[in-house]
């Protein structure tokens, strides 16, 4: 079936089945994989909403919003973010990447590895900002009004600093709004169907 498309496997429950940590991880992975495949193939990658970038002196400000990366993962920025430009240079492209963090310790009770007194109990989906020398969409091609998602783990390019060495403005990189592009695609299909 190729590396891009794999058959899905989910747990089968029955009375008396013993469940392990691996079973619960498999259950979560099943739904995450289905959702990410759906995002990749139906919506593509890019900015879904918000995420505008502005310069304020030596600070880059990014507004709240949502993007989908090429792996189909949603990247949510819930609050405005300000970053010192010197922390992110070199590279003119502002990149937003998916990041997971384990948070909130909880006590471990018995079982294998019980010598450890606590484990993190949640995985928080977050993001990381960086600058890059290249546009993450440069090798992608538009297909049906959206960027085709390659399945890679390289983040979403939001904007480019202009000029790179001493930025005076930020230009949004056109990945387009995914919902607008989906709407355009539907309209185009409707028009083709009426001919």
C-alpha atoms as a PDB file:
ATOM      1  CA  UNK A   1       0.000   0.000   0.000  1.00  0.00           C
ATOM      2  CA  UNK A   2       2.984   2.312   0.172  1.00  0.00           C
ATOM      3  CA  UNK A   3       4.379   4.302   3.050  1.00  0.00           C
ATOM      4  CA  UNK A   4       1.785   7.067   2.697  1.00  0.00           C
ATOM      5  CA  UNK A   5      -1.265   4.841   3.190  1.00  0.00           C
ATOM      6  CA  UNK A   6      -1.382   2.051   5.740  1.00  0.00           C
ATOM      7  CA  UNK A   7      -4.318  -0.115   6.791  1.00  0.00           C
ATOM      8  CA  UNK A   8      -5.864   0.865  10.125  1.00  0.00           C
ATOM      9  CA  UNK A   9      -6.004  -1.508  13.082  1.00  0.00           C
ATOM     10  CA  UNK A  10      -8.128  -0.912  16.146  1.00  0.00           C
ATOM     11  CA  UNK A  11      -8.660  -2.810  19.359  1.00  0.00           C
ATOM     12  CA  UNK A  12     -11.412  -5.369  19.613  1.00  0.00           C
ATOM     13  CA  UNK A  13     -12.969  -5.430  23.049  1.00  0.00           C
ATOM     14  CA  UNK A  14     -14.485  -8.522  24.621  1.00  0.00           C
ATOM     15  CA  UNK A  15     -15.502  -9.613  28.110  1.00  0.00           C
ATOM     16  CA  UNK A  16     -12.497 -10.727  30.147  1.00  0.00           C
ATOM     17  CA  UNK A  17      -9.885  -8.999  28.027  1.00  0.00           C
ATOM     18  CA  UNK A  18      -6.903  -7.705  29.999  1.00  0.00           C
ATOM     19  CA  UNK A  19      -5.922  -4.183  28.909  1.00  0.00           C
ATOM     20  CA  UNK A  20      -2.381  -2.868  29.118  1.00  0.00           C
ATOM     21  CA  UNK A  21      -0.832   0.570  28.681  1.00  0.00           C
ATOM     22  CA  UNK A  22       0.099  -0.414  25.113  1.00  0.00           C
ATOM     23  CA  UNK A  23      -3.573  -1.159  24.361  1.00  0.00           C
ATOM     24  CA  UNK A  24      -4.635   2.332  25.431  1.00  0.00           C
ATOM     25  CA  UNK A  25      -1.800   3.884  23.404  1.00  0.00           C
ATOM     26  CA  UNK A  26      -2.906   1.846  20.374  1.00  0.00           C
ATOM     27  CA  UNK A  27      -6.489   3.069  20.867  1.00  0.00           C
ATOM     28  CA  UNK A  28      -5.371   6.706  20.927  1.00  0.00           C
ATOM     29  CA  UNK A  29      -3.044   6.200  17.954  1.00  0.00           C
ATOM     30  CA  UNK A  30      -5.877   4.737  15.883  1.00  0.00           C
ATOM     31  CA  UNK A  31      -8.029   7.867  16.199  1.00  0.00           C
ATOM     32  CA  UNK A  32      -5.090  10.266  15.841  1.00  0.00           C
ATOM     33  CA  UNK A  33      -3.962   8.515  12.647  1.00  0.00           C
ATOM     34  CA  UNK A  34      -7.459   8.554  11.127  1.00  0.00           C
ATOM     35  CA  UNK A  35      -7.896  12.252  11.906  1.00  0.00           C
ATOM     36  CA  UNK A  36      -4.456  13.167  10.545  1.00  0.00           C
ATOM     37  CA  UNK A  37      -5.000  11.217   7.335  1.00  0.00           C
ATOM     38  CA  UNK A  38      -8.329  13.011   6.910  1.00  0.00           C
ATOM     39  CA  UNK A  39      -6.654  16.404   7.435  1.00  0.00           C
ATOM     40  CA  UNK A  40      -3.794  15.623   5.037  1.00  0.00           C
ATOM     41  CA  UNK A  41      -5.886  14.319   2.177  1.00  0.00           C
ATOM     42  CA  UNK A  42      -8.980  16.512   2.443  1.00  0.00           C
ATOM     43  CA  UNK A  43      -7.568  19.858   3.577  1.00  0.00           C
ATOM     44  CA  UNK A  44      -3.865  19.705   2.725  1.00  0.00           C
ATOM     45  CA  UNK A  45      -1.401  21.772   4.732  1.00  0.00           C
ATOM     46  CA  UNK A  46      -1.293  25.449   5.589  1.00  0.00           C
ATOM     47  CA  UNK A  47      -3.025  28.116   7.630  1.00  0.00           C
ATOM     48  CA  UNK A  48      -6.640  27.394   8.529  1.00  0.00           C
ATOM     49  CA  UNK A  49      -7.398  30.663  10.348  1.00  0.00           C
ATOM     50  CA  UNK A  50      -5.580  33.610  11.966  1.00  0.00           C
ATOM     51  CA  UNK A  51      -1.818  33.437  12.553  1.00  0.00           C
ATOM     52  CA  UNK A  52      -1.095  36.897  11.157  1.00  0.00           C
ATOM     53  CA  UNK A  53       2.439  38.166  11.796  1.00  0.00           C
ATOM     54  CA  UNK A  54       3.529  41.738  12.543  1.00  0.00           C
ATOM     55  CA  UNK A  55       6.815  43.422  13.444  1.00  0.00           C
ATOM     56  CA  UNK A  56       7.052  45.681  16.476  1.00  0.00           C
ATOM     57  CA  UNK A  57      10.648  46.915  16.587  1.00  0.00           C
ATOM     58  CA  UNK A  58      12.811  43.897  17.389  1.00  0.00           C
ATOM     59  CA  UNK A  59       9.780  41.736  18.243  1.00  0.00           C
ATOM     60  CA  UNK A  60       7.732  39.482  16.003  1.00  0.00           C
ATOM     61  CA  UNK A  61       4.080  39.203  17.059  1.00  0.00           C
ATOM     62  CA  UNK A  62       1.953  36.263  15.944  1.00  0.00           C
ATOM     63  CA  UNK A  63      -1.802  36.368  16.480  1.00  0.00           C
ATOM     64  CA  UNK A  64      -3.827  33.329  17.598  1.00  0.00           C
ATOM     65  CA  UNK A  65      -4.907  30.880  14.930  1.00  0.00           C
ATOM     66  CA  UNK A  66      -4.767  27.333  13.592  1.00  0.00           C
ATOM     67  CA  UNK A  67      -2.668  25.590  10.935  1.00  0.00           C
ATOM     68  CA  UNK A  68      -2.405  22.013   9.669  1.00  0.00           C
ATOM     69  CA  UNK A  69       1.070  20.649   8.959  1.00  0.00           C
ATOM     70  CA  UNK A  70       1.994  18.129   6.260  1.00  0.00           C
ATOM     71  CA  UNK A  71       1.585  15.263   8.735  1.00  0.00           C
ATOM     72  CA  UNK A  72      -2.070  16.316   9.225  1.00  0.00           C
ATOM     73  CA  UNK A  73      -1.555  17.571  12.775  1.00  0.00           C
ATOM     74  CA  UNK A  74      -3.475  20.629  13.950  1.00  0.00           C
ATOM     75  CA  UNK A  75      -1.238  23.372  15.351  1.00  0.00           C
ATOM     76  CA  UNK A  76      -3.190  25.696  17.633  1.00  0.00           C
ATOM     77  CA  UNK A  77      -1.861  29.049  18.847  1.00  0.00           C
ATOM     78  CA  UNK A  78      -4.408  30.111  21.482  1.00  0.00           C
ATOM     79  CA  UNK A  79      -2.832  33.379  22.639  1.00  0.00           C
ATOM     80  CA  UNK A  80      -0.777  36.090  20.915  1.00  0.00           C
ATOM     81  CA  UNK A  81       2.951  35.293  20.898  1.00  0.00           C
ATOM     82  CA  UNK A  82       5.813  37.808  20.914  1.00  0.00           C
ATOM     83  CA  UNK A  83       9.311  36.641  20.067  1.00  0.00           C
ATOM     84  CA  UNK A  84      12.598  38.537  19.990  1.00  0.00           C
ATOM     85  CA  UNK A  85      13.871  38.392  16.407  1.00  0.00           C
ATOM     86  CA  UNK A  86      17.434  37.750  17.585  1.00  0.00           C
ATOM     87  CA  UNK A  87      16.297  34.477  19.203  1.00  0.00           C
ATOM     88  CA  UNK A  88      15.025  33.107  15.929  1.00  0.00           C
ATOM     89  CA  UNK A  89      17.507  34.277  13.306  1.00  0.00           C
ATOM     90  CA  UNK A  90      19.130  33.241  10.898  1.00  0.00           C
ATOM     91  CA  UNK A  91      16.693  32.685   8.059  1.00  0.00           C
ATOM     92  CA  UNK A  92      13.958  34.859   6.653  1.00  0.00           C
ATOM     93  CA  UNK A  93      11.074  32.355   6.904  1.00  0.00           C
ATOM     94  CA  UNK A  94       8.934  32.195  10.060  1.00  0.00           C
ATOM     95  CA  UNK A  95       8.026  28.565  10.689  1.00  0.00           C
ATOM     96  CA  UNK A  96       5.414  27.109  13.051  1.00  0.00           C
ATOM     97  CA  UNK A  97       5.934  23.458  14.048  1.00  0.00           C
ATOM     98  CA  UNK A  98       3.893  20.932  16.001  1.00  0.00           C
ATOM     99  CA  UNK A  99       5.254  20.030  19.434  1.00  0.00           C
ATOM    100  CA  UNK A 100       4.117  17.628  22.156  1.00  0.00           C
ATOM    101  CA  UNK A 101       5.013  18.094  25.811  1.00  0.00           C
ATOM    102  CA  UNK A 102       4.415  15.736  28.700  1.00  0.00           C
ATOM    103  CA  UNK A 103       2.956  17.696  31.615  1.00  0.00           C
ATOM    104  CA  UNK A 104       1.563  17.374  35.167  1.00  0.00           C
ATOM    105  CA  UNK A 105       3.227  14.676  37.234  1.00  0.00           C
ATOM    106  CA  UNK A 106       1.131  11.967  38.867  1.00  0.00           C
ATOM    107  CA  UNK A 107       2.208   9.312  41.382  1.00  0.00           C
ATOM    108  CA  UNK A 108       3.032   5.818  40.102  1.00  0.00           C
ATOM    109  CA  UNK A 109       1.512   3.002  42.135  1.00  0.00           C
ATOM    110  CA  UNK A 110       3.095  -0.493  41.954  1.00  0.00           C
ATOM    111  CA  UNK A 111       3.774  -2.476  38.775  1.00  0.00           C
ATOM    112  CA  UNK A 112       6.920  -2.699  36.676  1.00  0.00           C
ATOM    113  CA  UNK A 113       9.137   0.321  37.069  1.00  0.00           C
ATOM    114  CA  UNK A 114       7.530   1.231  40.385  1.00  0.00           C
ATOM    115  CA  UNK A 115      10.866   2.544  41.648  1.00  0.00           C
ATOM    116  CA  UNK A 116       9.947   5.728  39.814  1.00  0.00           C
ATOM    117  CA  UNK A 117       7.712   7.795  42.078  1.00  0.00           C
ATOM    118  CA  UNK A 118       5.850   9.742  39.382  1.00  0.00           C
ATOM    119  CA  UNK A 119       5.099   9.985  35.646  1.00  0.00           C
ATOM    120  CA  UNK A 120       3.691  12.792  33.561  1.00  0.00           C
ATOM    121  CA  UNK A 121      -0.039  12.219  33.137  1.00  0.00           C
ATOM    122  CA  UNK A 122      -0.913  14.355  30.085  1.00  0.00           C
ATOM    123  CA  UNK A 123       0.461  15.064  26.633  1.00  0.00           C
ATOM    124  CA  UNK A 124      -0.143  18.684  25.689  1.00  0.00           C
ATOM    125  CA  UNK A 125      -0.183  19.565  22.009  1.00  0.00           C
ATOM    126  CA  UNK A 126       1.712  22.797  21.528  1.00  0.00           C
ATOM    127  CA  UNK A 127       3.893  24.559  18.970  1.00  0.00           C
ATOM    128  CA  UNK A 128       7.394  25.825  18.369  1.00  0.00           C
ATOM    129  CA  UNK A 129       8.439  28.902  16.395  1.00  0.00           C
ATOM    130  CA  UNK A 130      11.657  29.062  14.428  1.00  0.00           C
ATOM    131  CA  UNK A 131      13.243  30.807  11.482  1.00  0.00           C
ATOM    132  CA  UNK A 132      14.348  28.824   8.479  1.00  0.00           C
ATOM    133  CA  UNK A 133      16.427  29.505   5.381  1.00  0.00           C
ATOM    134  CA  UNK A 134      13.772  27.838   3.202  1.00  0.00           C
ATOM    135  CA  UNK A 135      10.025  27.956   2.716  1.00  0.00           C
ATOM    136  CA  UNK A 136       8.450  24.664   3.854  1.00  0.00           C
ATOM    137  CA  UNK A 137       6.001  24.900   0.925  1.00  0.00           C
ATOM    138  CA  UNK A 138       8.690  25.421  -1.754  1.00  0.00           C
ATOM    139  CA  UNK A 139       8.749  21.742  -2.795  1.00  0.00           C
ATOM    140  CA  UNK A 140       4.975  21.328  -2.559  1.00  0.00           C
ATOM    141  CA  UNK A 141       2.559  21.693  -5.385  1.00  0.00           C
ATOM    142  CA  UNK A 142      -0.947  23.051  -5.295  1.00  0.00           C
ATOM    143  CA  UNK A 143      -3.584  20.428  -6.037  1.00  0.00           C
ATOM    144  CA  UNK A 144      -7.323  21.054  -6.262  1.00  0.00           C
ATOM    145  CA  UNK A 145      -7.032  24.515  -4.729  1.00  0.00           C
ATOM    146  CA  UNK A 146      -4.854  23.522  -1.758  1.00  0.00           C
ATOM    147  CA  UNK A 147      -1.262  22.597  -0.951  1.00  0.00           C
ATOM    148  CA  UNK A 148      -0.760  18.883  -1.216  1.00  0.00           C
ATOM    149  CA  UNK A 149       0.439  17.545   2.144  1.00  0.00           C
ATOM    150  CA  UNK A 150       3.581  15.436   1.768  1.00  0.00           C
ATOM    151  CA  UNK A 151       3.259  13.674   5.138  1.00  0.00           C
ATOM    152  CA  UNK A 152       6.583  15.159   6.313  1.00  0.00           C
ATOM    153  CA  UNK A 153       7.433  16.650   9.674  1.00  0.00           C
ATOM    154  CA  UNK A 154       8.655  20.121   8.731  1.00  0.00           C
ATOM    155  CA  UNK A 155       6.173  22.666  10.055  1.00  0.00           C
ATOM    156  CA  UNK A 156       4.170  25.385   8.326  1.00  0.00           C
ATOM    157  CA  UNK A 157       5.753  28.546   6.947  1.00  0.00           C
ATOM    158  CA  UNK A 158       3.752  31.561   8.138  1.00  0.00           C
ATOM    159  CA  UNK A 159       5.667  34.543   6.756  1.00  0.00           C
ATOM    160  CA  UNK A 160       8.933  35.876   5.398  1.00  0.00           C
ATOM    161  CA  UNK A 161      10.929  38.768   6.867  1.00  0.00           C
ATOM    162  CA  UNK A 162      11.739  41.511   4.393  1.00  0.00           C
ATOM    163  CA  UNK A 163      14.630  42.185   4.115  1.00  0.00           C
ATOM    164  CA  UNK A 164      16.035  39.209   6.054  1.00  0.00           C
ATOM    165  CA  UNK A 165      19.084  40.949   7.612  1.00  0.00           C
ATOM    166  CA  UNK A 166      17.281  44.001   8.999  1.00  0.00           C
ATOM    167  CA  UNK A 167      13.555  43.290   8.741  1.00  0.00           C
ATOM    168  CA  UNK A 168      11.212  46.240   8.314  1.00  0.00           C
ATOM    169  CA  UNK A 169       8.110  44.267   7.425  1.00  0.00           C
ATOM    170  CA  UNK A 170       6.653  40.775   7.402  1.00  0.00           C
ATOM    171  CA  UNK A 171       4.959  39.289   4.346  1.00  0.00           C
ATOM    172  CA  UNK A 172       2.558  36.406   4.760  1.00  0.00           C
ATOM    173  CA  UNK A 173       3.566  33.325   2.794  1.00  0.00           C
ATOM    174  CA  UNK A 174       0.657  32.308   0.642  1.00  0.00           C
ATOM    175  CA  UNK A 175      -0.454  28.947   1.837  1.00  0.00           C
ATOM    176  CA  UNK A 176      -3.939  30.401   1.704  1.00  0.00           C
ATOM    177  CA  UNK A 177      -6.820  29.819   4.013  1.00  0.00           C
ATOM    178  CA  UNK A 178      -7.663  26.118   3.789  1.00  0.00           C
ATOM    179  CA  UNK A 179     -11.401  26.640   4.194  1.00  0.00           C
ATOM    180  CA  UNK A 180     -11.475  29.303   1.467  1.00  0.00           C
ATOM    181  CA  UNK A 181      -9.531  26.999  -0.832  1.00  0.00           C
ATOM    182  CA  UNK A 182     -11.904  24.112  -0.034  1.00  0.00           C
ATOM    183  CA  UNK A 183     -14.863  26.370  -0.867  1.00  0.00           C
ATOM    184  CA  UNK A 184     -13.223  27.363  -4.183  1.00  0.00           C
ATOM    185  CA  UNK A 185     -12.671  23.692  -4.963  1.00  0.00           C
ATOM    186  CA  UNK A 186     -16.343  22.892  -4.286  1.00  0.00           C
ATOM    187  CA  UNK A 187     -17.482  25.794  -6.479  1.00  0.00           C
ATOM    188  CA  UNK A 188     -15.166  24.647  -9.308  1.00  0.00           C
ATOM    189  CA  UNK A 189     -16.548  21.101  -9.094  1.00  0.00           C
ATOM    190  CA  UNK A 190     -20.110  22.444  -9.095  1.00  0.00           C
ATOM    191  CA  UNK A 191     -19.418  24.560 -12.184  1.00  0.00           C
ATOM    192  CA  UNK A 192     -17.805  21.595 -13.973  1.00  0.00           C
ATOM    193  CA  UNK A 193     -20.810  19.442 -13.122  1.00  0.00           C
ATOM    194  CA  UNK A 194     -23.250  21.964 -14.669  1.00  0.00           C
ATOM    195  CA  UNK A 195     -21.462  21.898 -18.064  1.00  0.00           C
END
